[in-house]
Amino acid sequence: MGTPEFACASLEAIIASDFAEVVAVVTVPDKPAGRGQQLRFSEVKNTALKHNLPILQPEKLKDEQFVEQLKQYNADVFVVVAFRILPEIVYSIPPKGSFNLHASLLPNYRGAAPIQRAVMNGETKSGVTTFFLNPQVDCGDIIDQVEVDIRPDETTGELYDELMRVGAGLTVKTLKAIEEGSVSCKKQTIISENAIKPAPKILKEDMLIHWDKSSYEIFNQIRGLSPYPGAFTRIKNTEGKEFIIKCYEAEISREESSKTAGTWEIDTQNQFVVHTADKCILLKIIQFEGKKRMPVSEFLRGWRAENYAKMLY
């Protein structure tokens, strides 16, 4: 059961294993997209079609017909990767249980955006966890975990790819342990709820850059939201019209900030420099509203800087 590309690696790994058979795939209903509003399949559905697997796409997970269909497949276990929250009437069906692959080292970063939140918070470690589902979201007994280092300049996109690969291996390892009856679960130990780092869905306010924060916080925000959905800032032209600039790659300058936070300038090396609460941020890859994503050096060649206010906000 899954939806995005992250789940496809685990599906492919199970298919390639020599001991497990995928009897069916469950994913979200097709959705209209684009100007032509043509139906778009989930990445998991595309993978299932490639392997000629039966596909279920329920609108409601408690639908009686859907639940009966699931029971008829007589699956030993349900594998859930980046899918919807399953009701107990569904996850309790298989005799060997239902387990989820989550992109964090639980109990930290429970929620919808574990990879982005870890990078935005400047974590040096992340990982993947498999756990049995129970009534509380991301709170079930842990089956296994794999830890992964986060590089100081790593983006969410890069960590996503690494956790997707490592997670696929852990999914198959977990299935093997369930088949052999060698699973040894452990409870998610929590000293207090306040000690747990959450991973709520990314909202628009999380994407807006506040230049009066430290350069380290801003740098982590930019790489944590790259390549999607992208941290952004705003600028006005001399006529007062506002434009959005999305920022996908940056670095922290060695130079201390000497101007009001949000002030930008173009230095002698043709770099886009923005002042923060302490040091300066050098923007490397951006997307000006109405333009394509591009390196700053390319953007500056066609940009009339004198037509814009000297503050980002």
C-alpha atoms as a PDB file:
ATOM      1  CA  MET A   1       0.000   0.000   0.000  1.00  0.00           C
ATOM      2  CA  GLY A   2       1.578   3.259  -1.102  1.00  0.00           C
ATOM      3  CA  THR A   3       1.420   6.324  -3.307  1.00  0.00           C
ATOM      4  CA  PRO A   4       4.626   8.224  -4.216  1.00  0.00           C
ATOM      5  CA  GLU A   5       7.980   7.308  -5.721  1.00  0.00           C
ATOM      6  CA  PHE A   6       9.356   6.639  -2.229  1.00  0.00           C
ATOM      7  CA  ALA A   7       7.077   3.585  -1.972  1.00  0.00           C
ATOM      8  CA  CYS A   8       8.029   2.243  -5.422  1.00  0.00           C
ATOM      9  CA  ALA A   9      11.538   1.237  -4.360  1.00  0.00           C
ATOM     10  CA  SER A  10      10.115  -1.010  -1.637  1.00  0.00           C
ATOM     11  CA  LEU A  11       7.553  -2.491  -4.043  1.00  0.00           C
ATOM     12  CA  GLU A  12      10.281  -3.246  -6.593  1.00  0.00           C
ATOM     13  CA  ALA A  13      12.467  -4.789  -3.888  1.00  0.00           C
ATOM     14  CA  ILE A  14       9.675  -7.098  -2.711  1.00  0.00           C
ATOM     15  CA  ILE A  15       8.942  -8.158  -6.302  1.00  0.00           C
ATOM     16  CA  ALA A  16      12.634  -8.901  -6.829  1.00  0.00           C
ATOM     17  CA  SER A  17      12.910 -10.961  -3.625  1.00  0.00           C
ATOM     18  CA  ASP A  18      12.999 -14.736  -3.868  1.00  0.00           C
ATOM     19  CA  PHE A  19      10.552 -15.460  -1.042  1.00  0.00           C
ATOM     20  CA  ALA A  20       7.689 -12.917  -1.139  1.00  0.00           C
ATOM     21  CA  GLU A  21       4.812 -12.604  -3.584  1.00  0.00           C
ATOM     22  CA  VAL A  22       2.874  -9.371  -4.036  1.00  0.00           C
ATOM     23  CA  VAL A  23      -0.748 -10.458  -4.445  1.00  0.00           C
ATOM     24  CA  ALA A  24      -2.166  -6.939  -4.865  1.00  0.00           C
ATOM     25  CA  VAL A  25      -1.312  -3.248  -4.682  1.00  0.00           C
ATOM     26  CA  VAL A  26      -3.435  -0.576  -2.994  1.00  0.00           C
ATOM     27  CA  THR A  27      -2.989   3.073  -3.936  1.00  0.00           C
ATOM     28  CA  VAL A  28      -4.945   6.325  -4.208  1.00  0.00           C
ATOM     29  CA  PRO A  29      -7.596   6.950  -6.895  1.00  0.00           C
ATOM     30  CA  ASP A  30      -6.482   8.578 -10.144  1.00  0.00           C
ATOM     31  CA  LYS A  31      -6.659  12.376 -10.088  1.00  0.00           C
ATOM     32  CA  PRO A  32      -7.104  14.907 -12.909  1.00  0.00           C
ATOM     33  CA  ALA A  33      -4.027  17.074 -13.422  1.00  0.00           C
ATOM     34  CA  GLY A  34      -2.661  19.693 -15.786  1.00  0.00           C
ATOM     35  CA  ARG A  35      -4.447  21.998 -18.180  1.00  0.00           C
ATOM     36  CA  GLY A  36      -6.162  19.119 -19.936  1.00  0.00           C
ATOM     37  CA  GLN A  37      -7.266  17.636 -16.594  1.00  0.00           C
ATOM     38  CA  GLN A  38      -6.178  14.198 -17.756  1.00  0.00           C
ATOM     39  CA  LEU A  39      -6.214  11.480 -15.112  1.00  0.00           C
ATOM     40  CA  ARG A  40      -2.829  11.037 -13.470  1.00  0.00           C
ATOM     41  CA  PHE A  41      -1.780   7.738 -11.896  1.00  0.00           C
ATOM     42  CA  SER A  42       0.217   7.517  -8.687  1.00  0.00           C
ATOM     43  CA  GLU A  43       3.832   6.373  -9.003  1.00  0.00           C
ATOM     44  CA  VAL A  44       2.907   3.162  -7.202  1.00  0.00           C
ATOM     45  CA  LYS A  45       0.132   2.445  -9.713  1.00  0.00           C
ATOM     46  CA  ASN A  46       2.570   2.919 -12.594  1.00  0.00           C
ATOM     47  CA  THR A  47       4.943   0.430 -10.980  1.00  0.00           C
ATOM     48  CA  ALA A  48       2.116  -2.049 -10.369  1.00  0.00           C
ATOM     49  CA  LEU A  49       0.980  -1.776 -13.996  1.00  0.00           C
ATOM     50  CA  LYS A  50       4.523  -2.459 -15.161  1.00  0.00           C
ATOM     51  CA  HIS A  51       4.451  -5.750 -13.262  1.00  0.00           C
ATOM     52  CA  ASN A  52       0.815  -6.625 -14.136  1.00  0.00           C
ATOM     53  CA  LEU A  53      -0.272  -6.632 -10.497  1.00  0.00           C
ATOM     54  CA  PRO A  54      -3.897  -6.335  -9.350  1.00  0.00           C
ATOM     55  CA  ILE A  55      -4.604  -2.759  -8.231  1.00  0.00           C
ATOM     56  CA  LEU A  56      -7.170  -1.479  -5.727  1.00  0.00           C
ATOM     57  CA  GLN A  57      -7.930   2.254  -5.530  1.00  0.00           C
ATOM     58  CA  PRO A  58     -10.555   2.846  -2.835  1.00  0.00           C
ATOM     59  CA  GLU A  59     -12.058   6.263  -2.219  1.00  0.00           C
ATOM     60  CA  LYS A  60     -12.809   5.280   1.383  1.00  0.00           C
ATOM     61  CA  LEU A  61     -10.680   2.791   3.288  1.00  0.00           C
ATOM     62  CA  LYS A  62     -13.621   1.646   5.426  1.00  0.00           C
ATOM     63  CA  ASP A  63     -15.733   0.807   2.372  1.00  0.00           C
ATOM     64  CA  GLU A  64     -17.218  -2.668   2.904  1.00  0.00           C
ATOM     65  CA  GLN A  65     -16.589  -3.813  -0.660  1.00  0.00           C
ATOM     66  CA  PHE A  66     -12.938  -2.765  -0.453  1.00  0.00           C
ATOM     67  CA  VAL A  67     -12.456  -4.535   2.878  1.00  0.00           C
ATOM     68  CA  GLU A  68     -13.988  -7.735   1.461  1.00  0.00           C
ATOM     69  CA  GLN A  69     -11.724  -7.531  -1.593  1.00  0.00           C
ATOM     70  CA  LEU A  70      -8.688  -7.297   0.666  1.00  0.00           C
ATOM     71  CA  LYS A  71      -9.760 -10.342   2.670  1.00  0.00           C
ATOM     72  CA  GLN A  72     -10.147 -12.401  -0.509  1.00  0.00           C
ATOM     73  CA  TYR A  73      -6.456 -12.003  -1.340  1.00  0.00           C
ATOM     74  CA  ASN A  74      -5.552 -13.935   1.853  1.00  0.00           C
ATOM     75  CA  ALA A  75      -2.336 -11.949   2.283  1.00  0.00           C
ATOM     76  CA  ASP A  76      -0.046 -12.936   5.143  1.00  0.00           C
ATOM     77  CA  VAL A  77       0.991  -9.333   5.781  1.00  0.00           C
ATOM     78  CA  PHE A  78       0.239  -5.799   4.585  1.00  0.00           C
ATOM     79  CA  VAL A  79       3.214  -3.558   3.758  1.00  0.00           C
ATOM     80  CA  VAL A  80       2.493   0.171   4.003  1.00  0.00           C
ATOM     81  CA  VAL A  81       4.871   2.837   2.643  1.00  0.00           C
ATOM     82  CA  ALA A  82       3.859   6.516   2.337  1.00  0.00           C
ATOM     83  CA  PHE A  83       0.135   5.855   2.211  1.00  0.00           C
ATOM     84  CA  ARG A  84      -2.959   7.016   4.040  1.00  0.00           C
ATOM     85  CA  ILE A  85      -3.780   6.322   7.692  1.00  0.00           C
ATOM     86  CA  LEU A  86      -5.266   2.829   7.776  1.00  0.00           C
ATOM     87  CA  PRO A  87      -8.311   2.090   9.929  1.00  0.00           C
ATOM     88  CA  GLU A  88      -8.140  -0.894  12.270  1.00  0.00           C
ATOM     89  CA  ILE A  89     -10.704  -2.758  10.147  1.00  0.00           C
ATOM     90  CA  VAL A  90      -8.040  -2.839   7.416  1.00  0.00           C
ATOM     91  CA  TYR A  91      -4.688  -3.223   9.177  1.00  0.00           C
ATOM     92  CA  SER A  92      -6.037  -6.038  11.380  1.00  0.00           C
ATOM     93  CA  ILE A  93      -6.917  -8.259   8.382  1.00  0.00           C
ATOM     94  CA  PRO A  94      -3.636 -10.150   7.741  1.00  0.00           C
ATOM     95  CA  PRO A  95      -2.705 -12.875  10.255  1.00  0.00           C
ATOM     96  CA  LYS A  96       0.917 -11.707  10.512  1.00  0.00           C
ATOM     97  CA  GLY A  97       0.003  -8.038  10.896  1.00  0.00           C
ATOM     98  CA  SER A  98       0.524  -4.837   8.930  1.00  0.00           C
ATOM     99  CA  PHE A  99       3.752  -2.875   9.083  1.00  0.00           C
ATOM    100  CA  ASN A 100       4.778   0.571   7.936  1.00  0.00           C
ATOM    101  CA  LEU A 101       8.097   1.889   6.633  1.00  0.00           C
ATOM    102  CA  HIS A 102       8.642   5.394   8.021  1.00  0.00           C
ATOM    103  CA  ALA A 103      11.415   7.784   6.940  1.00  0.00           C
ATOM    104  CA  SER A 104      12.776   8.673  10.378  1.00  0.00           C
ATOM    105  CA  LEU A 105      14.249   7.127  13.477  1.00  0.00           C
ATOM    106  CA  LEU A 106      11.051   6.799  15.477  1.00  0.00           C
ATOM    107  CA  PRO A 107       9.796   7.995  17.888  1.00  0.00           C
ATOM    108  CA  ASN A 108      11.256  11.252  16.502  1.00  0.00           C
ATOM    109  CA  TYR A 109       9.695  12.858  13.444  1.00  0.00           C
ATOM    110  CA  ARG A 110       6.313  11.222  13.467  1.00  0.00           C
ATOM    111  CA  GLY A 111       4.113  12.825  10.849  1.00  0.00           C
ATOM    112  CA  ALA A 112       3.814  13.750   7.193  1.00  0.00           C
ATOM    113  CA  ALA A 113       7.179  15.436   6.554  1.00  0.00           C
ATOM    114  CA  PRO A 114       9.907  13.546   8.446  1.00  0.00           C
ATOM    115  CA  ILE A 115      12.675  14.049   5.873  1.00  0.00           C
ATOM    116  CA  GLN A 116      12.074  17.758   5.346  1.00  0.00           C
ATOM    117  CA  ARG A 117      11.744  18.484   9.057  1.00  0.00           C
ATOM    118  CA  ALA A 118      14.958  16.635   9.935  1.00  0.00           C
ATOM    119  CA  VAL A 119      16.986  18.604   7.379  1.00  0.00           C
ATOM    120  CA  MET A 120      15.308  21.911   8.303  1.00  0.00           C
ATOM    121  CA  ASN A 121      16.224  21.286  11.942  1.00  0.00           C
ATOM    122  CA  GLY A 122      19.880  20.698  11.082  1.00  0.00           C
ATOM    123  CA  GLU A 123      19.930  17.047  12.168  1.00  0.00           C
ATOM    124  CA  THR A 124      23.116  15.068  11.499  1.00  0.00           C
ATOM    125  CA  LYS A 125      21.353  11.687  11.618  1.00  0.00           C
ATOM    126  CA  SER A 126      18.193  10.277  10.077  1.00  0.00           C
ATOM    127  CA  GLY A 127      17.068   6.824   9.074  1.00  0.00           C
ATOM    128  CA  VAL A 128      14.185   4.484   8.402  1.00  0.00           C
ATOM    129  CA  THR A 129      11.985   2.485  10.738  1.00  0.00           C
ATOM    130  CA  THR A 130       9.609  -0.407  10.261  1.00  0.00           C
ATOM    131  CA  PHE A 131       6.873  -0.834  12.848  1.00  0.00           C
ATOM    132  CA  PHE A 132       3.597  -2.674  13.290  1.00  0.00           C
ATOM    133  CA  LEU A 133       0.492  -0.534  12.897  1.00  0.00           C
ATOM    134  CA  ASN A 134      -1.726   0.200  15.852  1.00  0.00           C
ATOM    135  CA  PRO A 135      -4.535   2.736  16.494  1.00  0.00           C
ATOM    136  CA  GLN A 136      -2.088   5.614  17.095  1.00  0.00           C
ATOM    137  CA  VAL A 137      -0.344   7.127  14.053  1.00  0.00           C
ATOM    138  CA  ASP A 138       3.374   6.223  13.834  1.00  0.00           C
ATOM    139  CA  CYS A 139       3.315   4.858  17.385  1.00  0.00           C
ATOM    140  CA  GLY A 140       3.398   1.083  16.851  1.00  0.00           C
ATOM    141  CA  ASP A 141       6.030  -1.340  18.116  1.00  0.00           C
ATOM    142  CA  ILE A 142       9.346  -0.959  16.275  1.00  0.00           C
ATOM    143  CA  ILE A 143      10.505  -3.958  14.265  1.00  0.00           C
ATOM    144  CA  ASP A 144      13.800  -2.630  12.903  1.00  0.00           C
ATOM    145  CA  GLN A 145      15.706   0.580  12.137  1.00  0.00           C
ATOM    146  CA  VAL A 146      18.611   1.692   9.971  1.00  0.00           C
ATOM    147  CA  GLU A 147      20.494   4.907  10.716  1.00  0.00           C
ATOM    148  CA  VAL A 148      21.782   7.208   7.963  1.00  0.00           C
ATOM    149  CA  ASP A 149      24.134  10.187   8.232  1.00  0.00           C
ATOM    150  CA  ILE A 150      23.003  13.585   6.937  1.00  0.00           C
ATOM    151  CA  ARG A 151      25.765  15.633   5.310  1.00  0.00           C
ATOM    152  CA  PRO A 152      26.023  19.298   6.392  1.00  0.00           C
ATOM    153  CA  ASP A 153      25.017  20.503   2.914  1.00  0.00           C
ATOM    154  CA  GLU A 154      22.624  17.687   1.992  1.00  0.00           C
ATOM    155  CA  THR A 155      19.211  18.605   0.597  1.00  0.00           C
ATOM    156  CA  THR A 156      15.936  16.877   1.334  1.00  0.00           C
ATOM    157  CA  GLY A 157      15.937  15.541  -2.233  1.00  0.00           C
ATOM    158  CA  GLU A 158      19.302  13.854  -1.746  1.00  0.00           C
ATOM    159  CA  LEU A 159      18.342  12.400   1.644  1.00  0.00           C
ATOM    160  CA  TYR A 160      15.013  11.251   0.187  1.00  0.00           C
ATOM    161  CA  ASP A 161      16.839   9.195  -2.452  1.00  0.00           C
ATOM    162  CA  GLU A 162      19.137   7.642   0.139  1.00  0.00           C
ATOM    163  CA  LEU A 163      16.321   6.764   2.567  1.00  0.00           C
ATOM    164  CA  MET A 164      14.240   5.372  -0.299  1.00  0.00           C
ATOM    165  CA  ARG A 165      17.090   3.002  -1.188  1.00  0.00           C
ATOM    166  CA  VAL A 166      17.874   2.024   2.402  1.00  0.00           C
ATOM    167  CA  GLY A 167      14.163   1.727   3.200  1.00  0.00           C
ATOM    168  CA  ALA A 168      13.606  -0.748   0.368  1.00  0.00           C
ATOM    169  CA  GLY A 169      16.264  -3.002   1.844  1.00  0.00           C
ATOM    170  CA  LEU A 170      14.771  -2.708   5.316  1.00  0.00           C
ATOM    171  CA  THR A 171      11.298  -3.540   3.986  1.00  0.00           C
ATOM    172  CA  VAL A 172      12.529  -6.838   2.530  1.00  0.00           C
ATOM    173  CA  LYS A 173      14.589  -7.584   5.655  1.00  0.00           C
ATOM    174  CA  THR A 174      11.489  -7.005   7.801  1.00  0.00           C
ATOM    175  CA  LEU A 175       9.374  -9.278   5.598  1.00  0.00           C
ATOM    176  CA  LYS A 176      12.002 -11.990   5.872  1.00  0.00           C
ATOM    177  CA  ALA A 177      12.045 -11.705   9.662  1.00  0.00           C
ATOM    178  CA  ILE A 178       8.239 -11.956   9.763  1.00  0.00           C
ATOM    179  CA  GLU A 179       8.336 -15.023   7.516  1.00  0.00           C
ATOM    180  CA  GLU A 180      10.944 -16.696   9.732  1.00  0.00           C
ATOM    181  CA  GLY A 181       9.184 -15.699  12.949  1.00  0.00           C
ATOM    182  CA  SER A 182      12.314 -13.965  14.202  1.00  0.00           C
ATOM    183  CA  VAL A 183      10.832 -10.504  14.801  1.00  0.00           C
ATOM    184  CA  SER A 184      11.719  -8.991  18.173  1.00  0.00           C
ATOM    185  CA  CYS A 185       9.725  -5.788  18.623  1.00  0.00           C
ATOM    186  CA  LYS A 186      10.416  -2.954  21.015  1.00  0.00           C
ATOM    187  CA  LYS A 187       8.090  -0.280  22.324  1.00  0.00           C
ATOM    188  CA  GLN A 188       8.635   3.332  21.299  1.00  0.00           C
ATOM    189  CA  THR A 189      10.148   4.726  24.474  1.00  0.00           C
ATOM    190  CA  ILE A 190       9.109   8.299  25.231  1.00  0.00           C
ATOM    191  CA  ILE A 191      10.233  10.205  28.308  1.00  0.00           C
ATOM    192  CA  SER A 192       7.776  13.014  27.587  1.00  0.00           C
ATOM    193  CA  GLU A 193       5.817  14.243  24.580  1.00  0.00           C
ATOM    194  CA  ASN A 194       7.752  17.528  24.742  1.00  0.00           C
ATOM    195  CA  ALA A 195      10.990  15.632  24.101  1.00  0.00           C
ATOM    196  CA  ILE A 196       9.735  14.259  20.774  1.00  0.00           C
ATOM    197  CA  LYS A 197      10.510  16.150  17.584  1.00  0.00           C
ATOM    198  CA  PRO A 198       7.388  16.278  15.379  1.00  0.00           C
ATOM    199  CA  ALA A 199       7.138  16.225  11.569  1.00  0.00           C
ATOM    200  CA  PRO A 200       3.899  18.002  10.651  1.00  0.00           C
ATOM    201  CA  LYS A 201       2.916  18.717   7.057  1.00  0.00           C
ATOM    202  CA  ILE A 202       4.815  21.586   5.402  1.00  0.00           C
ATOM    203  CA  LEU A 203       2.651  24.709   5.242  1.00  0.00           C
ATOM    204  CA  LYS A 204       3.178  27.949   3.339  1.00  0.00           C
ATOM    205  CA  GLU A 205       4.364  29.736   6.464  1.00  0.00           C
ATOM    206  CA  ASP A 206       7.148  27.139   6.815  1.00  0.00           C
ATOM    207  CA  MET A 207       8.357  28.050   3.325  1.00  0.00           C
ATOM    208  CA  LEU A 208       8.691  31.823   3.818  1.00  0.00           C
ATOM    209  CA  ILE A 209      12.248  32.889   4.642  1.00  0.00           C
ATOM    210  CA  HIS A 210      12.597  35.270   7.597  1.00  0.00           C
ATOM    211  CA  TRP A 211      15.907  37.005   6.970  1.00  0.00           C
ATOM    212  CA  ASP A 212      16.176  38.218  10.582  1.00  0.00           C
ATOM    213  CA  LYS A 213      16.927  34.627  11.622  1.00  0.00           C
ATOM    214  CA  SER A 214      20.461  33.245  11.747  1.00  0.00           C
ATOM    215  CA  SER A 215      22.211  32.265   8.513  1.00  0.00           C
ATOM    216  CA  TYR A 216      22.385  28.670   9.801  1.00  0.00           C
ATOM    217  CA  GLU A 217      18.601  28.474  10.266  1.00  0.00           C
ATOM    218  CA  ILE A 218      17.950  29.969   6.827  1.00  0.00           C
ATOM    219  CA  PHE A 219      20.502  27.706   5.156  1.00  0.00           C
ATOM    220  CA  ASN A 220      18.835  24.642   6.698  1.00  0.00           C
ATOM    221  CA  GLN A 221      15.385  25.887   5.687  1.00  0.00           C
ATOM    222  CA  ILE A 222      16.485  26.285   2.057  1.00  0.00           C
ATOM    223  CA  ARG A 223      18.107  22.848   1.775  1.00  0.00           C
ATOM    224  CA  GLY A 224      15.311  21.264   3.813  1.00  0.00           C
ATOM    225  CA  LEU A 225      12.702  22.463   1.308  1.00  0.00           C
ATOM    226  CA  SER A 226      14.750  21.640  -1.792  1.00  0.00           C
ATOM    227  CA  PRO A 227      13.686  20.497  -4.348  1.00  0.00           C
ATOM    228  CA  TYR A 228      10.088  20.606  -3.111  1.00  0.00           C
ATOM    229  CA  PRO A 229       8.167  22.715  -2.254  1.00  0.00           C
ATOM    230  CA  GLY A 230      10.970  25.309  -2.132  1.00  0.00           C
ATOM    231  CA  ALA A 231      11.728  28.046   0.402  1.00  0.00           C
ATOM    232  CA  PHE A 232      10.730  31.461  -0.885  1.00  0.00           C
ATOM    233  CA  THR A 233      11.223  35.154  -0.348  1.00  0.00           C
ATOM    234  CA  ARG A 234       9.530  38.248  -1.779  1.00  0.00           C
ATOM    235  CA  ILE A 235      10.784  41.349  -3.528  1.00  0.00           C
ATOM    236  CA  LYS A 236       9.114  44.481  -4.925  1.00  0.00           C
ATOM    237  CA  ASN A 237      10.034  46.385  -8.021  1.00  0.00           C
ATOM    238  CA  THR A 238      10.299  50.179  -8.022  1.00  0.00           C
ATOM    239  CA  GLU A 239       6.623  50.372  -8.991  1.00  0.00           C
ATOM    240  CA  GLY A 240       5.583  48.426  -5.900  1.00  0.00           C
ATOM    241  CA  LYS A 241       4.674  45.155  -7.626  1.00  0.00           C
ATOM    242  CA  GLU A 242       5.543  42.046  -5.589  1.00  0.00           C
ATOM    243  CA  PHE A 243       7.390  39.010  -6.951  1.00  0.00           C
ATOM    244  CA  ILE A 244       8.198  35.612  -5.432  1.00  0.00           C
ATOM    245  CA  ILE A 245      11.720  34.188  -5.538  1.00  0.00           C
ATOM    246  CA  LYS A 246      12.108  30.508  -4.674  1.00  0.00           C
ATOM    247  CA  CYS A 247      15.488  29.452  -3.311  1.00  0.00           C
ATOM    248  CA  TYR A 248      16.798  25.922  -3.853  1.00  0.00           C
ATOM    249  CA  GLU A 249      20.498  26.101  -3.080  1.00  0.00           C
ATOM    250  CA  ALA A 250      22.569  28.448  -0.946  1.00  0.00           C
ATOM    251  CA  GLU A 251      25.684  28.659   1.175  1.00  0.00           C
ATOM    252  CA  ILE A 252      26.720  30.627   4.232  1.00  0.00           C
ATOM    253  CA  SER A 253      29.277  33.344   3.630  1.00  0.00           C
ATOM    254  CA  ARG A 254      32.270  33.683   5.940  1.00  0.00           C
ATOM    255  CA  GLU A 255      31.588  37.400   6.120  1.00  0.00           C
ATOM    256  CA  GLU A 256      29.628  38.887   8.980  1.00  0.00           C
ATOM    257  CA  SER A 257      26.459  40.712   8.058  1.00  0.00           C
ATOM    258  CA  SER A 258      26.895  44.485   8.019  1.00  0.00           C
ATOM    259  CA  LYS A 259      23.430  45.588   6.895  1.00  0.00           C
ATOM    260  CA  THR A 260      19.803  45.196   7.883  1.00  0.00           C
ATOM    261  CA  ALA A 261      18.565  41.609   7.565  1.00  0.00           C
ATOM    262  CA  GLY A 262      16.968  41.076   4.163  1.00  0.00           C
ATOM    263  CA  THR A 263      19.182  43.592   2.376  1.00  0.00           C
ATOM    264  CA  TRP A 264      20.594  42.108  -0.815  1.00  0.00           C
ATOM    265  CA  GLU A 265      23.524  43.082  -3.002  1.00  0.00           C
ATOM    266  CA  ILE A 266      25.452  41.705  -5.943  1.00  0.00           C
ATOM    267  CA  ASP A 267      29.149  41.398  -5.125  1.00  0.00           C
ATOM    268  CA  THR A 268      32.165  41.658  -7.406  1.00  0.00           C
ATOM    269  CA  GLN A 269      31.989  37.925  -8.171  1.00  0.00           C
ATOM    270  CA  ASN A 270      28.468  38.318  -9.510  1.00  0.00           C
ATOM    271  CA  GLN A 271      26.933  36.596  -6.485  1.00  0.00           C
ATOM    272  CA  PHE A 272      23.531  37.326  -4.956  1.00  0.00           C
ATOM    273  CA  VAL A 273      24.301  38.114  -1.312  1.00  0.00           C
ATOM    274  CA  VAL A 274      21.598  38.496   1.360  1.00  0.00           C
ATOM    275  CA  HIS A 275      22.237  39.782   4.882  1.00  0.00           C
ATOM    276  CA  THR A 276      20.810  37.872   7.851  1.00  0.00           C
ATOM    277  CA  ALA A 277      20.937  38.259  11.634  1.00  0.00           C
ATOM    278  CA  ASP A 278      24.593  37.226  11.709  1.00  0.00           C
ATOM    279  CA  LYS A 279      26.342  36.260   8.461  1.00  0.00           C
ATOM    280  CA  CYS A 280      25.355  36.533   4.812  1.00  0.00           C
ATOM    281  CA  ILE A 281      23.648  33.951   2.622  1.00  0.00           C
ATOM    282  CA  LEU A 282      24.857  33.416  -0.933  1.00  0.00           C
ATOM    283  CA  LEU A 283      21.955  32.295  -3.104  1.00  0.00           C
ATOM    284  CA  LYS A 284      23.136  29.718  -5.663  1.00  0.00           C
ATOM    285  CA  ILE A 285      20.041  28.348  -7.432  1.00  0.00           C
ATOM    286  CA  ILE A 286      16.788  30.298  -7.558  1.00  0.00           C
ATOM    287  CA  GLN A 287      13.545  30.627  -9.485  1.00  0.00           C
ATOM    288  CA  PHE A 288      12.222  34.123 -10.021  1.00  0.00           C
ATOM    289  CA  GLU A 289       8.456  34.279 -10.437  1.00  0.00           C
ATOM    290  CA  GLY A 290       7.513  33.529 -14.054  1.00  0.00           C
ATOM    291  CA  LYS A 291      10.988  32.168 -14.866  1.00  0.00           C
ATOM    292  CA  LYS A 292      12.576  28.719 -14.834  1.00  0.00           C
ATOM    293  CA  ARG A 293      14.837  27.471 -12.077  1.00  0.00           C
ATOM    294  CA  MET A 294      18.457  28.481 -12.780  1.00  0.00           C
ATOM    295  CA  PRO A 295      21.882  29.206 -11.257  1.00  0.00           C
ATOM    296  CA  VAL A 296      22.132  32.731  -9.877  1.00  0.00           C
ATOM    297  CA  SER A 297      24.987  33.565 -12.266  1.00  0.00           C
ATOM    298  CA  GLU A 298      22.679  32.862 -15.208  1.00  0.00           C
ATOM    299  CA  PHE A 299      19.784  34.759 -13.640  1.00  0.00           C
ATOM    300  CA  LEU A 300      21.861  37.871 -12.996  1.00  0.00           C
ATOM    301  CA  ARG A 301      22.931  38.146 -16.638  1.00  0.00           C
ATOM    302  CA  GLY A 302      19.398  39.141 -17.654  1.00  0.00           C
ATOM    303  CA  TRP A 303      18.189  40.835 -14.467  1.00  0.00           C
ATOM    304  CA  ARG A 304      17.791  44.609 -14.121  1.00  0.00           C
ATOM    305  CA  ALA A 305      18.723  44.924 -10.465  1.00  0.00           C
ATOM    306  CA  GLU A 306      18.201  48.690 -10.436  1.00  0.00           C
ATOM    307  CA  ASN A 307      14.469  48.123 -11.010  1.00  0.00           C
ATOM    308  CA  TYR A 308      13.988  46.418  -7.611  1.00  0.00           C
ATOM    309  CA  ALA A 309      13.947  47.470  -3.970  1.00  0.00           C
ATOM    310  CA  LYS A 310      17.007  46.535  -1.955  1.00  0.00           C
ATOM    311  CA  MET A 311      15.110  44.407   0.566  1.00  0.00           C
ATOM    312  CA  LEU A 312      13.849  40.834   0.503  1.00  0.00           C
ATOM    313  CA  TYR A 313      11.042  40.014   2.905  1.00  0.00           C
END
